[in-house]
Amino acid sequence: MRRSLLNYLFIGMCLISGALFAQGTDCENDVRKFYKQRASVSLDQGYYIKYGVQTIYKDKSFSSKEMLFTMMYKDYQLHVLSDVLNTYADTNTVISVSKLTKKIVVGSNTKAQFSKMLNNSSQLSDSLLWKNFDVSSCKAIDGHKEYNHEVVLQAKKTNTEVRQISYLYNQQSSALYKVTNKYSKSAQLEELNYFFYKIDYEYNGSDLKSKTITSLFFDGKGKLLPAYAGYELIDQRNKK
């Protein structure tokens, strides 16, 4: 069963939010700092992240090509863009736009829900990680421009769905290049790969041109803009 794009979004936010971590030779500390980095990114701070997700199923007919995402956050406004689904959120509204089905789904949001949306993705804490995984290898990697070090974590229990997590990163620049989750024999999924292409924790919001996300789609009378003619509007804001 394929995972939804929103699952990829939230999992990706978890991984990306800590994609820069301090240099060091202690591999366990490197991974701990990776997961703790999210705490240093405040809601008052902007960030721009471009990453890819690739799923590999045991049934190769379901495996996907790499799917690219761009995530932009500034001043309580979040945009997550892909070739299939775009999601926009602020403290009042959440809007999802499907280019394939030509549907726009609008829902209500609050400041608390928005903060939860940003922060729930980082709930895989380092304490939870080390409860379930041990470092099985830590080595230098030669011949790659993007990365030169690898840490591999192995699950402590045999019945864990994710059996192995590997991190490829550059020690000199402290930049993460790739994370790979490998799954158990009983799981439908074989691997889930994340690739990181650009991370900017000093993003100034230059690509977020609207003060509210609703003005990206609706005119002053609440009608869809001409650019979205032919799209089906599903407005869930008034539903209880």
C-alpha atoms as a PDB file:
ATOM      1  CA  MET A   1       0.000   0.000   0.000  1.00  0.00           C
ATOM      2  CA  ARG A   2       1.493   3.320  -1.055  1.00  0.00           C
ATOM      3  CA  ARG A   3       2.138   5.981   1.551  1.00  0.00           C
ATOM      4  CA  SER A   4       0.418   9.324   1.002  1.00  0.00           C
ATOM      5  CA  LEU A   5       2.278  12.468   0.014  1.00  0.00           C
ATOM      6  CA  LEU A   6       1.452  14.008   3.380  1.00  0.00           C
ATOM      7  CA  ASN A   7       3.160  11.086   5.118  1.00  0.00           C
ATOM      8  CA  TYR A   8       6.257  11.810   3.074  1.00  0.00           C
ATOM      9  CA  LEU A   9       5.944  15.464   3.961  1.00  0.00           C
ATOM     10  CA  PHE A  10       5.831  14.885   7.712  1.00  0.00           C
ATOM     11  CA  ILE A  11       8.499  12.183   7.712  1.00  0.00           C
ATOM     12  CA  GLY A  12      10.625  14.400   5.535  1.00  0.00           C
ATOM     13  CA  MET A  13      10.189  17.339   7.875  1.00  0.00           C
ATOM     14  CA  CYS A  14      11.371  15.144  10.706  1.00  0.00           C
ATOM     15  CA  LEU A  15      14.558  14.207   8.900  1.00  0.00           C
ATOM     16  CA  ILE A  16      15.256  17.499   7.207  1.00  0.00           C
ATOM     17  CA  SER A  17      14.704  19.647  10.235  1.00  0.00           C
ATOM     18  CA  GLY A  18      17.982  18.381  11.623  1.00  0.00           C
ATOM     19  CA  ALA A  19      19.936  18.153   8.419  1.00  0.00           C
ATOM     20  CA  LEU A  20      22.926  20.143   9.662  1.00  0.00           C
ATOM     21  CA  PHE A  21      24.871  18.900  12.665  1.00  0.00           C
ATOM     22  CA  ALA A  22      28.236  19.467  14.252  1.00  0.00           C
ATOM     23  CA  GLN A  23      31.417  17.797  13.158  1.00  0.00           C
ATOM     24  CA  GLY A  24      32.808  15.009  15.272  1.00  0.00           C
ATOM     25  CA  THR A  25      34.276  11.526  15.229  1.00  0.00           C
ATOM     26  CA  ASP A  26      31.745  10.067  17.652  1.00  0.00           C
ATOM     27  CA  CYS A  27      29.081   8.641  15.368  1.00  0.00           C
ATOM     28  CA  GLU A  28      26.451   8.280  18.054  1.00  0.00           C
ATOM     29  CA  ASN A  29      26.863  11.928  19.031  1.00  0.00           C
ATOM     30  CA  ASP A  30      26.589  12.920  15.365  1.00  0.00           C
ATOM     31  CA  VAL A  31      23.219  11.238  15.082  1.00  0.00           C
ATOM     32  CA  ARG A  32      22.049  12.658  18.415  1.00  0.00           C
ATOM     33  CA  LYS A  33      22.927  16.172  17.253  1.00  0.00           C
ATOM     34  CA  PHE A  34      21.109  15.501  14.003  1.00  0.00           C
ATOM     35  CA  TYR A  35      17.830  14.870  15.840  1.00  0.00           C
ATOM     36  CA  LYS A  36      18.346  17.676  18.341  1.00  0.00           C
ATOM     37  CA  GLN A  37      18.937  20.314  15.653  1.00  0.00           C
ATOM     38  CA  ARG A  38      15.191  20.810  15.175  1.00  0.00           C
ATOM     39  CA  ALA A  39      14.915  22.332  18.639  1.00  0.00           C
ATOM     40  CA  SER A  40      17.204  25.181  17.571  1.00  0.00           C
ATOM     41  CA  VAL A  41      14.864  26.205  14.721  1.00  0.00           C
ATOM     42  CA  SER A  42      12.205  28.555  16.117  1.00  0.00           C
ATOM     43  CA  LEU A  43       8.874  29.596  14.598  1.00  0.00           C
ATOM     44  CA  ASP A  44      10.331  33.085  14.177  1.00  0.00           C
ATOM     45  CA  GLN A  45      13.036  31.692  11.922  1.00  0.00           C
ATOM     46  CA  GLY A  46      12.587  30.993   8.215  1.00  0.00           C
ATOM     47  CA  TYR A  47      13.816  27.960   6.329  1.00  0.00           C
ATOM     48  CA  TYR A  48      13.955  26.691   2.762  1.00  0.00           C
ATOM     49  CA  ILE A  49      14.502  22.996   2.089  1.00  0.00           C
ATOM     50  CA  LYS A  50      14.650  21.016  -1.136  1.00  0.00           C
ATOM     51  CA  TYR A  51      14.644  17.248  -0.797  1.00  0.00           C
ATOM     52  CA  GLY A  52      13.695  14.056  -2.619  1.00  0.00           C
ATOM     53  CA  VAL A  53      11.923  10.882  -1.508  1.00  0.00           C
ATOM     54  CA  GLN A  54      12.259   7.504  -3.200  1.00  0.00           C
ATOM     55  CA  THR A  55      10.295   4.399  -2.220  1.00  0.00           C
ATOM     56  CA  ILE A  56      11.464   0.912  -3.173  1.00  0.00           C
ATOM     57  CA  TYR A  57       8.946  -1.886  -2.634  1.00  0.00           C
ATOM     58  CA  LYS A  58       9.684  -5.597  -2.634  1.00  0.00           C
ATOM     59  CA  ASP A  59       7.170  -5.733  -5.453  1.00  0.00           C
ATOM     60  CA  LYS A  60       9.197  -3.607  -7.862  1.00  0.00           C
ATOM     61  CA  SER A  61       6.120  -2.781  -9.947  1.00  0.00           C
ATOM     62  CA  PHE A  62       5.054  -0.424  -7.128  1.00  0.00           C
ATOM     63  CA  SER A  63       8.428   1.234  -6.611  1.00  0.00           C
ATOM     64  CA  SER A  64       8.579   4.918  -7.412  1.00  0.00           C
ATOM     65  CA  LYS A  65      11.018   7.295  -8.971  1.00  0.00           C
ATOM     66  CA  GLU A  66      12.416   9.996  -6.743  1.00  0.00           C
ATOM     67  CA  MET A  67       9.773  12.579  -5.844  1.00  0.00           C
ATOM     68  CA  LEU A  68      11.047  16.112  -5.295  1.00  0.00           C
ATOM     69  CA  PHE A  69       9.701  18.449  -2.614  1.00  0.00           C
ATOM     70  CA  THR A  70      10.362  22.106  -1.856  1.00  0.00           C
ATOM     71  CA  MET A  71       9.467  23.333   1.612  1.00  0.00           C
ATOM     72  CA  MET A  72       9.404  27.051   2.458  1.00  0.00           C
ATOM     73  CA  TYR A  73       8.555  28.524   5.843  1.00  0.00           C
ATOM     74  CA  LYS A  74       8.526  32.126   7.057  1.00  0.00           C
ATOM     75  CA  ASP A  75       6.309  34.280   9.290  1.00  0.00           C
ATOM     76  CA  TYR A  76       3.786  31.531  10.128  1.00  0.00           C
ATOM     77  CA  GLN A  77       3.302  30.517   6.515  1.00  0.00           C
ATOM     78  CA  LEU A  78       4.327  27.127   5.128  1.00  0.00           C
ATOM     79  CA  HIS A  79       4.435  26.061   1.471  1.00  0.00           C
ATOM     80  CA  VAL A  80       5.270  22.475   0.481  1.00  0.00           C
ATOM     81  CA  LEU A  81       5.477  21.973  -3.276  1.00  0.00           C
ATOM     82  CA  SER A  82       5.808  18.880  -5.467  1.00  0.00           C
ATOM     83  CA  ASP A  83       4.912  17.786  -8.992  1.00  0.00           C
ATOM     84  CA  VAL A  84       1.765  16.071  -7.714  1.00  0.00           C
ATOM     85  CA  LEU A  85       0.457  17.920  -4.657  1.00  0.00           C
ATOM     86  CA  ASN A  86       1.020  21.408  -3.233  1.00  0.00           C
ATOM     87  CA  THR A  87       0.114  22.180   0.380  1.00  0.00           C
ATOM     88  CA  TYR A  88      -0.124  25.678   1.869  1.00  0.00           C
ATOM     89  CA  ALA A  89      -0.759  26.494   5.518  1.00  0.00           C
ATOM     90  CA  ASP A  90      -0.917  29.475   7.854  1.00  0.00           C
ATOM     91  CA  THR A  91      -2.501  29.967  11.259  1.00  0.00           C
ATOM     92  CA  ASN A  92      -6.000  30.249   9.756  1.00  0.00           C
ATOM     93  CA  THR A  93      -6.166  27.955   6.748  1.00  0.00           C
ATOM     94  CA  VAL A  94      -4.751  24.816   5.112  1.00  0.00           C
ATOM     95  CA  ILE A  95      -5.064  24.450   1.332  1.00  0.00           C
ATOM     96  CA  SER A  96      -4.081  21.378  -0.706  1.00  0.00           C
ATOM     97  CA  VAL A  97      -3.958  21.537  -4.491  1.00  0.00           C
ATOM     98  CA  SER A  98      -3.849  18.385  -6.605  1.00  0.00           C
ATOM     99  CA  LYS A  99      -2.597  19.011 -10.100  1.00  0.00           C
ATOM    100  CA  LEU A 100      -3.546  15.489 -11.205  1.00  0.00           C
ATOM    101  CA  THR A 101      -7.184  15.539 -10.094  1.00  0.00           C
ATOM    102  CA  LYS A 102      -7.609  19.325 -10.375  1.00  0.00           C
ATOM    103  CA  LYS A 103      -9.021  19.623  -6.882  1.00  0.00           C
ATOM    104  CA  ILE A 104      -8.486  22.300  -4.251  1.00  0.00           C
ATOM    105  CA  VAL A 105      -9.289  21.289  -0.671  1.00  0.00           C
ATOM    106  CA  VAL A 106      -9.584  24.087   1.898  1.00  0.00           C
ATOM    107  CA  GLY A 107      -9.650  23.488   5.665  1.00  0.00           C
ATOM    108  CA  SER A 108      -9.542  25.562   8.833  1.00  0.00           C
ATOM    109  CA  ASN A 109      -6.425  25.935  10.951  1.00  0.00           C
ATOM    110  CA  THR A 110      -5.387  27.569  14.237  1.00  0.00           C
ATOM    111  CA  LYS A 111      -2.071  28.838  15.537  1.00  0.00           C
ATOM    112  CA  ALA A 112      -1.856  25.843  17.883  1.00  0.00           C
ATOM    113  CA  GLN A 113      -2.581  23.393  15.070  1.00  0.00           C
ATOM    114  CA  PHE A 114      -0.086  25.133  12.820  1.00  0.00           C
ATOM    115  CA  SER A 115       2.653  24.884  15.456  1.00  0.00           C
ATOM    116  CA  LYS A 116       1.775  21.227  15.961  1.00  0.00           C
ATOM    117  CA  MET A 117       1.982  20.678  12.206  1.00  0.00           C
ATOM    118  CA  LEU A 118       5.536  22.020  12.183  1.00  0.00           C
ATOM    119  CA  ASN A 119       6.691  20.322  15.362  1.00  0.00           C
ATOM    120  CA  ASN A 120       5.006  16.907  15.308  1.00  0.00           C
ATOM    121  CA  SER A 121       7.373  15.814  12.575  1.00  0.00           C
ATOM    122  CA  SER A 122      10.316  15.964  14.973  1.00  0.00           C
ATOM    123  CA  GLN A 123       8.838  13.672  17.620  1.00  0.00           C
ATOM    124  CA  LEU A 124      11.315  10.893  16.829  1.00  0.00           C
ATOM    125  CA  SER A 125      13.602  12.018  19.643  1.00  0.00           C
ATOM    126  CA  ASP A 126      17.122  10.771  20.089  1.00  0.00           C
ATOM    127  CA  SER A 127      16.050   8.967  23.297  1.00  0.00           C
ATOM    128  CA  LEU A 128      13.428   7.011  21.346  1.00  0.00           C
ATOM    129  CA  LEU A 129      15.932   6.334  18.594  1.00  0.00           C
ATOM    130  CA  TRP A 130      18.552   4.866  20.933  1.00  0.00           C
ATOM    131  CA  LYS A 131      15.933   2.805  22.716  1.00  0.00           C
ATOM    132  CA  ASN A 132      15.373   0.933  19.464  1.00  0.00           C
ATOM    133  CA  PHE A 133      18.676   1.181  17.563  1.00  0.00           C
ATOM    134  CA  ASP A 134      22.423   0.698  18.054  1.00  0.00           C
ATOM    135  CA  VAL A 135      25.331   1.908  15.915  1.00  0.00           C
ATOM    136  CA  SER A 136      26.431  -1.087  13.851  1.00  0.00           C
ATOM    137  CA  SER A 137      29.051   0.648  11.705  1.00  0.00           C
ATOM    138  CA  CYS A 138      30.748   3.996  11.337  1.00  0.00           C
ATOM    139  CA  LYS A 139      33.181   4.545   8.497  1.00  0.00           C
ATOM    140  CA  ALA A 140      34.734   6.954   6.053  1.00  0.00           C
ATOM    141  CA  ILE A 141      33.522   6.829   2.442  1.00  0.00           C
ATOM    142  CA  ASP A 142      35.945   7.608  -0.387  1.00  0.00           C
ATOM    143  CA  GLY A 143      35.267   8.821  -3.907  1.00  0.00           C
ATOM    144  CA  HIS A 144      32.118  10.877  -3.349  1.00  0.00           C
ATOM    145  CA  LYS A 145      31.999  14.665  -3.681  1.00  0.00           C
ATOM    146  CA  GLU A 146      28.772  15.077  -1.706  1.00  0.00           C
ATOM    147  CA  TYR A 147      29.576  12.912   1.329  1.00  0.00           C
ATOM    148  CA  ASN A 148      32.513  11.219   3.002  1.00  0.00           C
ATOM    149  CA  HIS A 149      31.113   9.496   6.080  1.00  0.00           C
ATOM    150  CA  GLU A 150      28.462   6.879   6.879  1.00  0.00           C
ATOM    151  CA  VAL A 151      26.759   5.834  10.100  1.00  0.00           C
ATOM    152  CA  VAL A 152      24.552   2.740  10.138  1.00  0.00           C
ATOM    153  CA  LEU A 153      22.078   1.990  12.935  1.00  0.00           C
ATOM    154  CA  GLN A 154      20.687  -1.513  13.467  1.00  0.00           C
ATOM    155  CA  ALA A 155      17.393  -2.294  15.205  1.00  0.00           C
ATOM    156  CA  LYS A 156      17.749  -3.987  18.588  1.00  0.00           C
ATOM    157  CA  LYS A 157      14.582  -6.071  18.183  1.00  0.00           C
ATOM    158  CA  THR A 158      13.959  -8.570  15.412  1.00  0.00           C
ATOM    159  CA  ASN A 159      10.268  -7.646  15.097  1.00  0.00           C
ATOM    160  CA  THR A 160      10.941  -3.969  14.309  1.00  0.00           C
ATOM    161  CA  GLU A 161       9.587  -2.895  10.909  1.00  0.00           C
ATOM    162  CA  VAL A 162      12.570  -0.623  10.181  1.00  0.00           C
ATOM    163  CA  ARG A 163      15.586  -2.882  10.504  1.00  0.00           C
ATOM    164  CA  GLN A 164      18.319  -0.409   9.582  1.00  0.00           C
ATOM    165  CA  ILE A 165      18.867   3.343   9.191  1.00  0.00           C
ATOM    166  CA  SER A 166      21.919   4.736   7.425  1.00  0.00           C
ATOM    167  CA  TYR A 167      23.154   8.333   7.241  1.00  0.00           C
ATOM    168  CA  LEU A 168      25.516   9.648   4.565  1.00  0.00           C
ATOM    169  CA  TYR A 169      27.009  13.053   5.324  1.00  0.00           C
ATOM    170  CA  ASN A 170      30.021  15.297   4.808  1.00  0.00           C
ATOM    171  CA  GLN A 171      32.110  15.726   7.946  1.00  0.00           C
ATOM    172  CA  GLN A 172      33.829  18.893   6.737  1.00  0.00           C
ATOM    173  CA  SER A 173      30.659  20.801   5.884  1.00  0.00           C
ATOM    174  CA  SER A 174      28.468  18.997   8.474  1.00  0.00           C
ATOM    175  CA  ALA A 175      25.804  18.536   5.764  1.00  0.00           C
ATOM    176  CA  LEU A 176      23.550  15.501   5.470  1.00  0.00           C
ATOM    177  CA  TYR A 177      23.308  13.999   1.980  1.00  0.00           C
ATOM    178  CA  LYS A 178      21.098  10.919   2.293  1.00  0.00           C
ATOM    179  CA  VAL A 179      19.100   8.863   4.797  1.00  0.00           C
ATOM    180  CA  THR A 180      18.014   5.294   3.994  1.00  0.00           C
ATOM    181  CA  ASN A 181      15.528   3.214   5.976  1.00  0.00           C
ATOM    182  CA  LYS A 182      15.663  -0.534   5.295  1.00  0.00           C
ATOM    183  CA  TYR A 183      12.662  -2.626   6.272  1.00  0.00           C
ATOM    184  CA  SER A 184      12.069  -6.141   7.598  1.00  0.00           C
ATOM    185  CA  LYS A 185      11.386  -9.145   5.373  1.00  0.00           C
ATOM    186  CA  SER A 186       7.687  -9.088   6.290  1.00  0.00           C
ATOM    187  CA  ALA A 187       7.204  -5.440   5.302  1.00  0.00           C
ATOM    188  CA  GLN A 188       5.900  -4.467   1.861  1.00  0.00           C
ATOM    189  CA  LEU A 189       8.456  -1.686   1.661  1.00  0.00           C
ATOM    190  CA  GLU A 190      12.100  -2.555   1.053  1.00  0.00           C
ATOM    191  CA  GLU A 191      13.749   0.878   1.303  1.00  0.00           C
ATOM    192  CA  LEU A 192      12.767   4.492   1.848  1.00  0.00           C
ATOM    193  CA  ASN A 193      15.401   6.999   0.733  1.00  0.00           C
ATOM    194  CA  TYR A 194      15.677  10.722   1.450  1.00  0.00           C
ATOM    195  CA  PHE A 195      18.027  12.966  -0.552  1.00  0.00           C
ATOM    196  CA  PHE A 196      18.829  16.518   0.580  1.00  0.00           C
ATOM    197  CA  TYR A 197      19.720  19.139  -2.037  1.00  0.00           C
ATOM    198  CA  LYS A 198      19.366  22.554  -0.421  1.00  0.00           C
ATOM    199  CA  ILE A 199      18.860  23.686   3.160  1.00  0.00           C
ATOM    200  CA  ASP A 200      18.717  27.336   4.190  1.00  0.00           C
ATOM    201  CA  TYR A 201      17.944  28.134   7.838  1.00  0.00           C
ATOM    202  CA  GLU A 202      18.231  31.872   7.144  1.00  0.00           C
ATOM    203  CA  TYR A 203      15.503  31.991   4.509  1.00  0.00           C
ATOM    204  CA  ASN A 204      13.939  35.466   4.239  1.00  0.00           C
ATOM    205  CA  GLY A 205      10.608  34.406   2.730  1.00  0.00           C
ATOM    206  CA  SER A 206      11.228  36.011  -0.658  1.00  0.00           C
ATOM    207  CA  ASP A 207       9.203  33.294  -2.412  1.00  0.00           C
ATOM    208  CA  LEU A 208       6.213  33.718  -0.111  1.00  0.00           C
ATOM    209  CA  LYS A 209       4.655  36.664  -1.894  1.00  0.00           C
ATOM    210  CA  SER A 210       1.252  36.664  -0.186  1.00  0.00           C
ATOM    211  CA  LYS A 211       0.380  37.765   3.348  1.00  0.00           C
ATOM    212  CA  THR A 212      -2.250  35.018   3.499  1.00  0.00           C
ATOM    213  CA  ILE A 213      -2.459  31.759   1.584  1.00  0.00           C
ATOM    214  CA  THR A 214      -6.121  32.367   0.720  1.00  0.00           C
ATOM    215  CA  SER A 215      -5.133  35.333  -1.453  1.00  0.00           C
ATOM    216  CA  LEU A 216      -3.112  32.916  -3.589  1.00  0.00           C
ATOM    217  CA  PHE A 217      -6.325  31.226  -4.683  1.00  0.00           C
ATOM    218  CA  PHE A 218      -9.292  33.518  -4.008  1.00  0.00           C
ATOM    219  CA  ASP A 219     -10.216  37.057  -4.947  1.00  0.00           C
ATOM    220  CA  GLY A 220     -11.728  39.606  -2.578  1.00  0.00           C
ATOM    221  CA  LYS A 221     -15.183  38.060  -3.026  1.00  0.00           C
ATOM    222  CA  GLY A 222     -14.039  34.563  -2.160  1.00  0.00           C
ATOM    223  CA  LYS A 223     -14.102  33.243  -5.727  1.00  0.00           C
ATOM    224  CA  LEU A 224     -11.320  31.141  -7.229  1.00  0.00           C
ATOM    225  CA  LEU A 225      -8.833  33.119  -9.283  1.00  0.00           C
ATOM    226  CA  PRO A 226      -8.888  32.627 -13.089  1.00  0.00           C
ATOM    227  CA  ALA A 227      -5.661  30.622 -12.894  1.00  0.00           C
ATOM    228  CA  TYR A 228      -7.662  27.838 -11.210  1.00  0.00           C
ATOM    229  CA  ALA A 229     -10.581  27.736 -13.606  1.00  0.00           C
ATOM    230  CA  GLY A 230     -11.712  24.132 -14.022  1.00  0.00           C
ATOM    231  CA  TYR A 231     -10.562  23.090 -10.535  1.00  0.00           C
ATOM    232  CA  GLU A 232     -13.105  21.529  -8.176  1.00  0.00           C
ATOM    233  CA  LEU A 233     -13.275  23.418  -4.876  1.00  0.00           C
ATOM    234  CA  ILE A 234     -13.891  21.379  -1.721  1.00  0.00           C
ATOM    235  CA  ASP A 235     -14.338  23.807   1.156  1.00  0.00           C
ATOM    236  CA  GLN A 236     -14.314  22.038   4.535  1.00  0.00           C
ATOM    237  CA  ARG A 237     -13.977  25.148   6.686  1.00  0.00           C
ATOM    238  CA  ASN A 238     -17.637  25.198   7.704  1.00  0.00           C
ATOM    239  CA  LYS A 239     -17.901  21.491   8.445  1.00  0.00           C
ATOM    240  CA  LYS A 240     -18.031  20.402  12.092  1.00  0.00           C
END
